[in-house]
């Protein structure tokens, strides 16, 4: 079964723009609410630039292709039932794909504490649901990839700028 990629139709992309901007705002507020400590050690500039490029151009599109494009589309093709919640209809495949997307972030245990990873998993499940529902409605993987990339990039770049500001670099 083939998954739709979508295109650059502004009506399809509008929800993704709004979601991307909302996630940038959340990242900015989170950074201001929790400024970096003096003990933060930043890697060398080439490493930071490589990380930002990787996060902006690889992580979001790859995860969206895998989780929304392949897994969610396949699950929704196999599991045809839905859940109704207060007037909202949620497909079971979308819910399962969101949980799998969240659990995928267990990989981050390799470099961060378990408490941070559990929080990240919970956030990833919620974002997976949000991205999944919008993808079900728009069938636009390009918008999902752009919003995801913007969220990941701002989640890395905004704290980085704050760290440099607070630490006087």
N, C-alpha and C. Protein backbone atom coordinates (compact mmCIF):
# COMPACT_ATOMS: atom_id res chain seq x y z
N UNK A 1 0.84 -1.18 0.00
CA UNK A 1 0.00 0.00 0.00
C UNK A 1 0.89 1.24 0.00
N UNK A 2 0.62 2.15 -0.86
CA UNK A 2 1.45 3.34 -1.02
C UNK A 2 0.97 4.47 -0.11
N UNK A 3 1.90 5.19 0.48
CA UNK A 3 1.53 6.31 1.33
C UNK A 3 1.61 7.61 0.54
N UNK A 4 0.71 8.55 0.85
CA UNK A 4 0.75 9.84 0.15
C UNK A 4 1.81 10.75 0.75
N UNK A 5 2.52 11.43 -0.11
CA UNK A 5 3.54 12.38 0.33
C UNK A 5 2.94 13.77 0.45
N UNK A 6 2.00 14.09 -0.43
CA UNK A 6 1.42 15.44 -0.43
C UNK A 6 2.27 16.35 -1.28
N UNK A 7 1.92 17.60 -1.27
CA UNK A 7 2.66 18.56 -2.07
C UNK A 7 2.77 19.88 -1.34
N UNK A 8 2.82 20.94 -2.11
CA UNK A 8 2.99 22.27 -1.52
C UNK A 8 1.69 23.08 -1.58
N UNK A 9 0.56 22.40 -1.56
CA UNK A 9 -0.75 23.05 -1.53
C UNK A 9 -0.89 23.80 -0.19
N UNK A 10 -1.10 25.10 -0.26
CA UNK A 10 -1.15 25.92 0.95
C UNK A 10 -2.25 25.49 1.92
N UNK A 11 -3.37 25.00 1.40
CA UNK A 11 -4.45 24.54 2.30
C UNK A 11 -4.01 23.32 3.09
N UNK A 12 -3.25 22.43 2.47
CA UNK A 12 -2.74 21.26 3.17
C UNK A 12 -1.63 21.62 4.15
N UNK A 13 -0.84 22.63 3.81
CA UNK A 13 0.32 22.98 4.64
C UNK A 13 -0.02 23.90 5.81
N UNK A 14 -1.14 24.62 5.73
CA UNK A 14 -1.49 25.59 6.78
C UNK A 14 -1.46 25.00 8.19
N UNK A 15 -2.09 23.82 8.44
CA UNK A 15 -2.03 23.28 9.80
C UNK A 15 -0.60 22.96 10.23
N UNK A 16 0.23 22.56 9.28
CA UNK A 16 1.62 22.23 9.61
C UNK A 16 2.41 23.49 9.96
N UNK A 17 2.15 24.60 9.25
CA UNK A 17 2.80 25.87 9.59
C UNK A 17 2.44 26.27 11.02
N UNK A 18 1.15 26.21 11.31
CA UNK A 18 0.68 26.61 12.64
C UNK A 18 1.29 25.73 13.73
N UNK A 19 1.32 24.42 13.49
CA UNK A 19 1.90 23.50 14.46
C UNK A 19 3.39 23.78 14.63
N UNK A 20 4.10 23.98 13.53
CA UNK A 20 5.54 24.26 13.60
C UNK A 20 5.82 25.53 14.40
N UNK A 21 5.06 26.58 14.16
CA UNK A 21 5.25 27.83 14.90
C UNK A 21 4.90 27.67 16.37
N UNK A 22 3.86 26.91 16.66
CA UNK A 22 3.49 26.66 18.06
C UNK A 22 4.61 25.90 18.78
N UNK A 23 5.22 24.94 18.12
CA UNK A 23 6.30 24.17 18.74
C UNK A 23 7.56 25.02 18.94
N UNK A 24 7.82 25.95 18.02
CA UNK A 24 8.94 26.88 18.21
C UNK A 24 8.68 27.73 19.45
N UNK A 25 7.44 28.21 19.59
CA UNK A 25 7.08 29.02 20.76
C UNK A 25 7.24 28.23 22.05
N UNK A 26 6.80 26.98 22.04
CA UNK A 26 6.95 26.12 23.23
C UNK A 26 8.42 25.94 23.56
N UNK A 27 9.25 25.71 22.56
CA UNK A 27 10.69 25.56 22.79
C UNK A 27 11.30 26.84 23.37
N UNK A 28 10.87 27.99 22.88
CA UNK A 28 11.38 29.26 23.38
C UNK A 28 10.96 29.49 24.83
N UNK A 29 9.68 29.26 25.13
CA UNK A 29 9.18 29.44 26.50
C UNK A 29 9.89 28.46 27.44
N UNK A 30 10.06 27.23 27.01
CA UNK A 30 10.75 26.24 27.83
C UNK A 30 12.18 26.63 28.14
N UNK A 31 12.85 27.23 27.17
CA UNK A 31 14.23 27.67 27.38
C UNK A 31 14.29 28.84 28.36
N UNK A 32 13.37 29.79 28.22
CA UNK A 32 13.34 30.94 29.13
C UNK A 32 12.97 30.49 30.54
N UNK A 33 12.03 29.56 30.64
CA UNK A 33 11.58 29.08 31.95
C UNK A 33 12.64 28.26 32.66
N UNK A 34 13.54 27.66 31.90
CA UNK A 34 14.56 26.80 32.50
C UNK A 34 15.93 27.14 31.91
N UNK A 35 16.51 28.28 32.34
CA UNK A 35 17.80 28.69 31.77
C UNK A 35 18.90 27.68 32.09
N UNK A 36 19.94 27.65 31.27
CA UNK A 36 21.02 26.68 31.47
C UNK A 36 21.82 26.97 32.74
N UNK A 37 22.38 25.93 33.29
CA UNK A 37 23.22 26.10 34.47
C UNK A 37 24.64 26.45 34.04
N UNK A 38 25.40 26.97 34.96
CA UNK A 38 26.78 27.36 34.66
C UNK A 38 27.66 26.15 34.33
N UNK A 39 27.23 24.96 34.73
CA UNK A 39 28.02 23.76 34.50
C UNK A 39 27.87 23.17 33.11
N UNK A 40 27.06 23.78 32.26
CA UNK A 40 26.85 23.25 30.91
C UNK A 40 28.12 23.43 30.09
N UNK A 41 28.55 22.34 29.47
CA UNK A 41 29.73 22.39 28.60
C UNK A 41 29.28 22.16 27.17
N UNK A 42 29.56 23.12 26.33
CA UNK A 42 29.16 23.02 24.93
C UNK A 42 30.27 22.35 24.12
N UNK A 43 29.88 21.53 23.14
CA UNK A 43 30.89 20.94 22.25
C UNK A 43 31.49 22.02 21.34
N UNK A 44 32.51 21.65 20.62
CA UNK A 44 33.16 22.57 19.68
C UNK A 44 32.17 23.02 18.60
N UNK A 45 32.41 24.21 18.05
CA UNK A 45 31.50 24.80 17.06
C UNK A 45 31.23 23.88 15.86
N UNK A 46 32.24 23.20 15.27
CA UNK A 46 31.93 22.31 14.15
C UNK A 46 30.94 21.20 14.53
N UNK A 47 31.06 20.71 15.75
CA UNK A 47 30.13 19.68 16.23
C UNK A 47 28.73 20.24 16.37
N UNK A 48 28.62 21.46 16.89
CA UNK A 48 27.31 22.09 17.05
C UNK A 48 26.65 22.33 15.69
N UNK A 49 27.42 22.82 14.74
CA UNK A 49 26.88 23.07 13.40
C UNK A 49 26.43 21.76 12.76
N UNK A 50 27.24 20.73 12.87
CA UNK A 50 26.87 19.42 12.31
C UNK A 50 25.59 18.90 12.95
N UNK A 51 25.47 19.07 14.26
CA UNK A 51 24.26 18.62 14.96
C UNK A 51 23.03 19.38 14.47
N UNK A 52 23.14 20.70 14.33
CA UNK A 52 22.00 21.50 13.86
C UNK A 52 21.59 21.11 12.45
N UNK A 53 22.56 20.90 11.57
CA UNK A 53 22.26 20.49 10.19
C UNK A 53 21.58 19.12 10.19
N UNK A 54 22.12 18.18 10.97
CA UNK A 54 21.55 16.84 11.05
C UNK A 54 20.11 16.89 11.59
N UNK A 55 19.91 17.63 12.66
CA UNK A 55 18.58 17.74 13.27
C UNK A 55 17.60 18.39 12.30
N UNK A 56 18.05 19.43 11.60
CA UNK A 56 17.16 20.18 10.71
C UNK A 56 16.79 19.42 9.44
N UNK A 57 17.74 18.69 8.88
CA UNK A 57 17.49 18.11 7.55
C UNK A 57 17.36 16.59 7.51
N UNK A 58 17.70 15.90 8.58
CA UNK A 58 17.67 14.43 8.55
C UNK A 58 16.64 13.85 9.52
N UNK A 59 16.70 14.24 10.77
CA UNK A 59 15.88 13.60 11.81
C UNK A 59 14.39 13.72 11.52
N UNK A 60 13.88 14.93 11.36
CA UNK A 60 12.44 15.13 11.15
C UNK A 60 11.90 14.40 9.93
N UNK A 61 12.48 14.63 8.73
CA UNK A 61 11.97 13.93 7.56
C UNK A 61 12.06 12.41 7.67
N UNK A 62 13.15 11.90 8.25
CA UNK A 62 13.31 10.45 8.39
C UNK A 62 12.26 9.87 9.33
N UNK A 63 12.07 10.52 10.48
CA UNK A 63 11.08 10.01 11.44
C UNK A 63 9.67 10.11 10.87
N UNK A 64 9.36 11.19 10.15
CA UNK A 64 8.02 11.32 9.56
C UNK A 64 7.78 10.29 8.47
N UNK A 65 8.78 10.05 7.65
CA UNK A 65 8.66 9.03 6.61
C UNK A 65 8.39 7.66 7.24
N UNK A 66 9.14 7.35 8.29
CA UNK A 66 8.99 6.05 8.95
C UNK A 66 7.68 5.95 9.73
N UNK A 67 7.42 6.90 10.63
CA UNK A 67 6.30 6.74 11.56
C UNK A 67 4.96 7.14 10.97
N UNK A 68 4.87 8.25 10.25
CA UNK A 68 3.60 8.63 9.64
C UNK A 68 3.45 7.97 8.28
N UNK A 69 4.48 8.07 7.44
CA UNK A 69 4.37 7.57 6.08
C UNK A 69 4.25 6.07 5.97
N UNK A 70 5.08 5.33 6.70
CA UNK A 70 5.06 3.87 6.58
C UNK A 70 4.22 3.20 7.67
N UNK A 71 4.61 3.40 8.93
CA UNK A 71 3.95 2.67 10.03
C UNK A 71 2.49 3.06 10.17
N UNK A 72 2.21 4.36 10.30
CA UNK A 72 0.82 4.79 10.49
C UNK A 72 -0.06 4.44 9.30
N UNK A 73 0.45 4.65 8.09
CA UNK A 73 -0.34 4.33 6.90
C UNK A 73 -0.63 2.83 6.83
N UNK A 74 0.37 2.00 7.12
CA UNK A 74 0.16 0.55 7.09
C UNK A 74 -0.81 0.11 8.18
N UNK A 75 -0.65 0.64 9.38
CA UNK A 75 -1.56 0.26 10.48
C UNK A 75 -2.99 0.70 10.19
N UNK A 76 -3.16 1.91 9.68
CA UNK A 76 -4.52 2.37 9.37
C UNK A 76 -5.13 1.59 8.21
N UNK A 77 -4.28 1.07 7.32
CA UNK A 77 -4.78 0.21 6.25
C UNK A 77 -5.22 -1.15 6.75
N UNK A 78 -4.59 -1.61 7.84
CA UNK A 78 -4.90 -2.92 8.42
C UNK A 78 -5.97 -2.85 9.51
N UNK A 79 -5.88 -1.82 10.34
CA UNK A 79 -6.83 -1.65 11.45
C UNK A 79 -7.80 -0.55 11.04
N UNK A 80 -8.99 -0.92 10.69
CA UNK A 80 -9.93 0.05 10.15
C UNK A 80 -10.81 0.72 11.20
N UNK A 81 -10.71 0.31 12.45
CA UNK A 81 -11.61 0.86 13.47
C UNK A 81 -11.06 2.18 14.03
N UNK A 82 -11.98 2.94 14.63
CA UNK A 82 -11.64 4.24 15.20
C UNK A 82 -12.13 4.33 16.63
N UNK A 83 -11.61 5.32 17.33
CA UNK A 83 -12.05 5.65 18.69
C UNK A 83 -12.70 7.02 18.60
N UNK A 84 -13.83 7.19 19.25
CA UNK A 84 -14.48 8.50 19.29
C UNK A 84 -14.31 9.10 20.67
N UNK A 85 -13.73 10.29 20.71
CA UNK A 85 -13.51 11.00 21.96
C UNK A 85 -14.09 12.41 21.86
N UNK A 86 -15.22 12.63 22.49
CA UNK A 86 -15.84 13.96 22.53
C UNK A 86 -15.95 14.59 21.14
N UNK A 87 -16.46 13.87 20.21
CA UNK A 87 -16.65 14.39 18.87
C UNK A 87 -15.44 14.23 17.94
N UNK A 88 -14.31 13.82 18.49
CA UNK A 88 -13.13 13.60 17.68
C UNK A 88 -13.04 12.13 17.33
N UNK A 89 -12.66 11.85 16.12
CA UNK A 89 -12.48 10.48 15.67
C UNK A 89 -10.98 10.22 15.51
N UNK A 90 -10.49 9.22 16.22
CA UNK A 90 -9.07 8.87 16.18
C UNK A 90 -8.94 7.45 15.68
N UNK A 91 -8.13 7.26 14.67
CA UNK A 91 -7.92 5.92 14.12
C UNK A 91 -6.96 5.14 15.01
N UNK A 92 -7.26 3.86 15.21
CA UNK A 92 -6.43 3.01 16.06
C UNK A 92 -4.99 2.95 15.56
N UNK A 93 -4.82 2.87 14.25
CA UNK A 93 -3.47 2.82 13.68
C UNK A 93 -2.67 4.07 14.01
N UNK A 94 -3.34 5.21 14.03
CA UNK A 94 -2.69 6.47 14.38
C UNK A 94 -2.25 6.46 15.84
N UNK A 95 -3.11 5.94 16.71
CA UNK A 95 -2.78 5.84 18.14
C UNK A 95 -1.59 4.90 18.36
N UNK A 96 -1.63 3.74 17.74
CA UNK A 96 -0.54 2.76 17.90
C UNK A 96 0.77 3.34 17.35
N UNK A 97 0.71 4.00 16.19
CA UNK A 97 1.92 4.60 15.61
C UNK A 97 2.49 5.68 16.53
N UNK A 98 1.63 6.45 17.20
CA UNK A 98 2.09 7.48 18.13
C UNK A 98 2.80 6.86 19.33
N UNK A 99 2.26 5.77 19.84
CA UNK A 99 2.89 5.08 20.98
C UNK A 99 4.24 4.49 20.54
N UNK A 100 4.29 3.89 19.37
CA UNK A 100 5.55 3.34 18.86
C UNK A 100 6.57 4.47 18.66
N UNK A 101 6.11 5.61 18.14
CA UNK A 101 6.98 6.78 17.97
C UNK A 101 7.55 7.22 19.32
N UNK A 102 6.71 7.26 20.34
CA UNK A 102 7.18 7.62 21.67
C UNK A 102 8.21 6.63 22.20
N UNK A 103 7.89 5.35 22.08
CA UNK A 103 8.80 4.31 22.58
C UNK A 103 10.13 4.28 21.82
N UNK A 104 10.10 4.70 20.57
CA UNK A 104 11.33 4.79 19.78
C UNK A 104 12.36 5.69 20.47
N UNK A 105 11.88 6.66 21.23
CA UNK A 105 12.77 7.60 21.91
C UNK A 105 13.48 7.00 23.12
N UNK A 106 13.19 5.72 23.42
CA UNK A 106 13.98 5.00 24.44
C UNK A 106 15.45 4.96 24.06
N UNK A 107 15.73 5.09 22.78
CA UNK A 107 17.11 5.09 22.30
C UNK A 107 17.93 6.19 22.97
N UNK A 108 17.26 7.24 23.43
CA UNK A 108 17.96 8.36 24.06
C UNK A 108 18.50 8.04 25.45
N UNK A 109 18.15 6.86 25.97
CA UNK A 109 18.75 6.42 27.24
C UNK A 109 20.26 6.28 27.12
N UNK A 110 20.74 6.17 25.90
CA UNK A 110 22.18 6.02 25.67
C UNK A 110 22.96 7.26 26.10
N UNK A 111 22.29 8.42 26.16
CA UNK A 111 23.04 9.64 26.50
C UNK A 111 22.34 10.59 27.46
N UNK A 112 21.17 10.21 27.97
CA UNK A 112 20.51 11.10 28.93
C UNK A 112 19.88 10.27 30.05
N UNK A 113 19.62 10.90 31.20
CA UNK A 113 19.05 10.17 32.35
C UNK A 113 17.66 9.62 32.05
N UNK A 114 17.28 8.59 32.80
CA UNK A 114 15.99 7.93 32.57
C UNK A 114 14.82 8.89 32.78
N UNK A 115 14.91 9.78 33.75
CA UNK A 115 13.82 10.74 33.99
C UNK A 115 13.58 11.63 32.79
N UNK A 116 14.65 12.14 32.19
CA UNK A 116 14.54 12.97 30.99
C UNK A 116 13.96 12.17 29.84
N UNK A 117 14.37 10.91 29.73
CA UNK A 117 13.89 10.05 28.65
C UNK A 117 12.41 9.75 28.80
N UNK A 118 11.94 9.50 30.01
CA UNK A 118 10.51 9.23 30.24
C UNK A 118 9.69 10.45 29.85
N UNK A 119 10.15 11.64 30.23
CA UNK A 119 9.44 12.87 29.84
C UNK A 119 9.44 13.01 28.32
N UNK A 120 10.57 12.74 27.69
CA UNK A 120 10.66 12.84 26.24
C UNK A 120 9.72 11.84 25.55
N UNK A 121 9.60 10.65 26.09
CA UNK A 121 8.70 9.65 25.53
C UNK A 121 7.26 10.13 25.62
N UNK A 122 6.87 10.66 26.77
CA UNK A 122 5.50 11.16 26.94
C UNK A 122 5.21 12.29 25.95
N UNK A 123 6.15 13.21 25.82
CA UNK A 123 5.98 14.32 24.87
C UNK A 123 5.91 13.78 23.44
N UNK A 124 6.75 12.80 23.12
CA UNK A 124 6.76 12.23 21.77
C UNK A 124 5.45 11.52 21.45
N UNK A 125 4.84 10.85 22.43
CA UNK A 125 3.54 10.21 22.19
C UNK A 125 2.49 11.27 21.88
N UNK A 126 2.46 12.34 22.67
CA UNK A 126 1.48 13.41 22.44
C UNK A 126 1.72 14.06 21.08
N UNK A 127 2.97 14.39 20.78
CA UNK A 127 3.27 14.98 19.47
C UNK A 127 3.00 13.99 18.34
N UNK A 128 3.27 12.71 18.58
CA UNK A 128 2.96 11.69 17.58
C UNK A 128 1.47 11.63 17.28
N UNK A 129 0.65 11.77 18.32
CA UNK A 129 -0.81 11.82 18.12
C UNK A 129 -1.20 13.06 17.32
N UNK A 130 -0.65 14.20 17.71
CA UNK A 130 -0.96 15.45 17.02
C UNK A 130 -0.53 15.39 15.56
N UNK A 131 0.70 14.99 15.33
CA UNK A 131 1.20 14.86 13.96
C UNK A 131 0.38 13.82 13.19
N UNK A 132 0.05 12.71 13.86
CA UNK A 132 -0.71 11.65 13.20
C UNK A 132 -2.10 12.08 12.78
N UNK A 133 -2.80 12.79 13.66
CA UNK A 133 -4.16 13.26 13.34
C UNK A 133 -4.11 14.26 12.19
N UNK A 134 -3.15 15.19 12.24
CA UNK A 134 -3.05 16.17 11.15
C UNK A 134 -2.65 15.46 9.85
N UNK A 135 -1.77 14.48 9.93
CA UNK A 135 -1.39 13.73 8.73
C UNK A 135 -2.60 12.98 8.16
N UNK A 136 -3.41 12.37 9.03
CA UNK A 136 -4.62 11.68 8.56
C UNK A 136 -5.54 12.64 7.81
N UNK A 137 -5.62 13.88 8.27
CA UNK A 137 -6.52 14.84 7.65
C UNK A 137 -5.95 15.48 6.39
N UNK A 138 -4.64 15.74 6.37
CA UNK A 138 -4.04 16.45 5.23
C UNK A 138 -3.39 15.51 4.22
N UNK A 139 -2.97 14.33 4.66
CA UNK A 139 -2.23 13.37 3.82
C UNK A 139 -0.99 14.04 3.24
N UNK A 140 -0.34 14.88 4.03
CA UNK A 140 0.80 15.64 3.55
C UNK A 140 2.03 15.37 4.40
N UNK A 141 2.90 14.54 3.89
CA UNK A 141 4.13 14.16 4.59
C UNK A 141 5.18 15.28 4.51
N UNK A 142 5.10 16.10 3.49
CA UNK A 142 6.03 17.23 3.37
C UNK A 142 5.80 18.20 4.52
N UNK A 143 4.54 18.53 4.78
CA UNK A 143 4.21 19.42 5.90
C UNK A 143 4.64 18.83 7.23
N UNK A 144 4.41 17.54 7.41
CA UNK A 144 4.81 16.87 8.65
C UNK A 144 6.32 16.95 8.83
N UNK A 145 7.06 16.71 7.76
CA UNK A 145 8.52 16.76 7.82
C UNK A 145 9.02 18.16 8.13
N UNK A 146 8.41 19.17 7.51
CA UNK A 146 8.82 20.55 7.76
C UNK A 146 8.54 20.96 9.20
N UNK A 147 7.34 20.65 9.70
CA UNK A 147 6.99 21.00 11.09
C UNK A 147 7.90 20.27 12.08
N UNK A 148 8.14 19.00 11.83
CA UNK A 148 9.00 18.21 12.71
C UNK A 148 10.43 18.77 12.70
N UNK A 149 10.93 19.11 11.53
CA UNK A 149 12.28 19.68 11.42
C UNK A 149 12.37 21.01 12.15
N UNK A 150 11.36 21.84 11.99
CA UNK A 150 11.34 23.14 12.66
C UNK A 150 11.32 22.97 14.18
N UNK A 151 10.52 22.03 14.66
CA UNK A 151 10.45 21.77 16.10
C UNK A 151 11.79 21.25 16.62
N UNK A 152 12.38 20.29 15.94
CA UNK A 152 13.67 19.73 16.38
C UNK A 152 14.78 20.78 16.31
N UNK A 153 14.82 21.54 15.21
CA UNK A 153 15.85 22.56 15.05
C UNK A 153 15.73 23.63 16.14
N UNK A 154 14.51 24.12 16.36
CA UNK A 154 14.34 25.17 17.38
C UNK A 154 14.59 24.61 18.78
N UNK A 155 14.28 23.34 18.98
CA UNK A 155 14.53 22.72 20.28
C UNK A 155 16.01 22.55 20.57
N UNK A 156 16.83 22.61 19.53
CA UNK A 156 18.29 22.55 19.70
C UNK A 156 18.90 23.95 19.62
N UNK A 157 18.47 24.75 18.65
CA UNK A 157 19.09 26.06 18.41
C UNK A 157 18.74 27.08 19.49
N UNK A 158 17.49 27.13 19.93
CA UNK A 158 17.10 28.14 20.93
C UNK A 158 17.86 27.93 22.24
N UNK A 159 17.90 26.71 22.79
CA UNK A 159 18.72 26.53 24.00
C UNK A 159 20.20 26.82 23.76
N UNK A 160 20.70 26.50 22.58
CA UNK A 160 22.10 26.76 22.27
C UNK A 160 22.39 28.26 22.32
N UNK A 161 21.53 29.05 21.70
CA UNK A 161 21.70 30.51 21.73
C UNK A 161 21.60 31.01 23.17
N UNK A 162 20.65 30.46 23.93
CA UNK A 162 20.50 30.86 25.34
C UNK A 162 21.76 30.51 26.14
N UNK A 163 22.30 29.31 25.92
CA UNK A 163 23.51 28.90 26.64
C UNK A 163 24.66 29.86 26.32
N UNK A 164 24.82 30.17 25.05
CA UNK A 164 25.89 31.09 24.66
C UNK A 164 25.68 32.46 25.30
N UNK A 165 24.45 32.92 25.35
CA UNK A 165 24.14 34.22 25.97
C UNK A 165 24.42 34.19 27.47
N UNK A 166 23.88 33.18 28.15
CA UNK A 166 24.04 33.09 29.60
C UNK A 166 25.49 32.85 30.01
N UNK A 167 26.21 32.10 29.20
CA UNK A 167 27.59 31.74 29.55
C UNK A 167 28.61 32.72 28.96
N UNK A 168 28.12 33.74 28.26
CA UNK A 168 29.00 34.77 27.73
C UNK A 168 29.90 34.32 26.61
N UNK A 169 29.44 33.41 25.77
CA UNK A 169 30.27 32.94 24.65
C UNK A 169 29.96 33.70 23.40
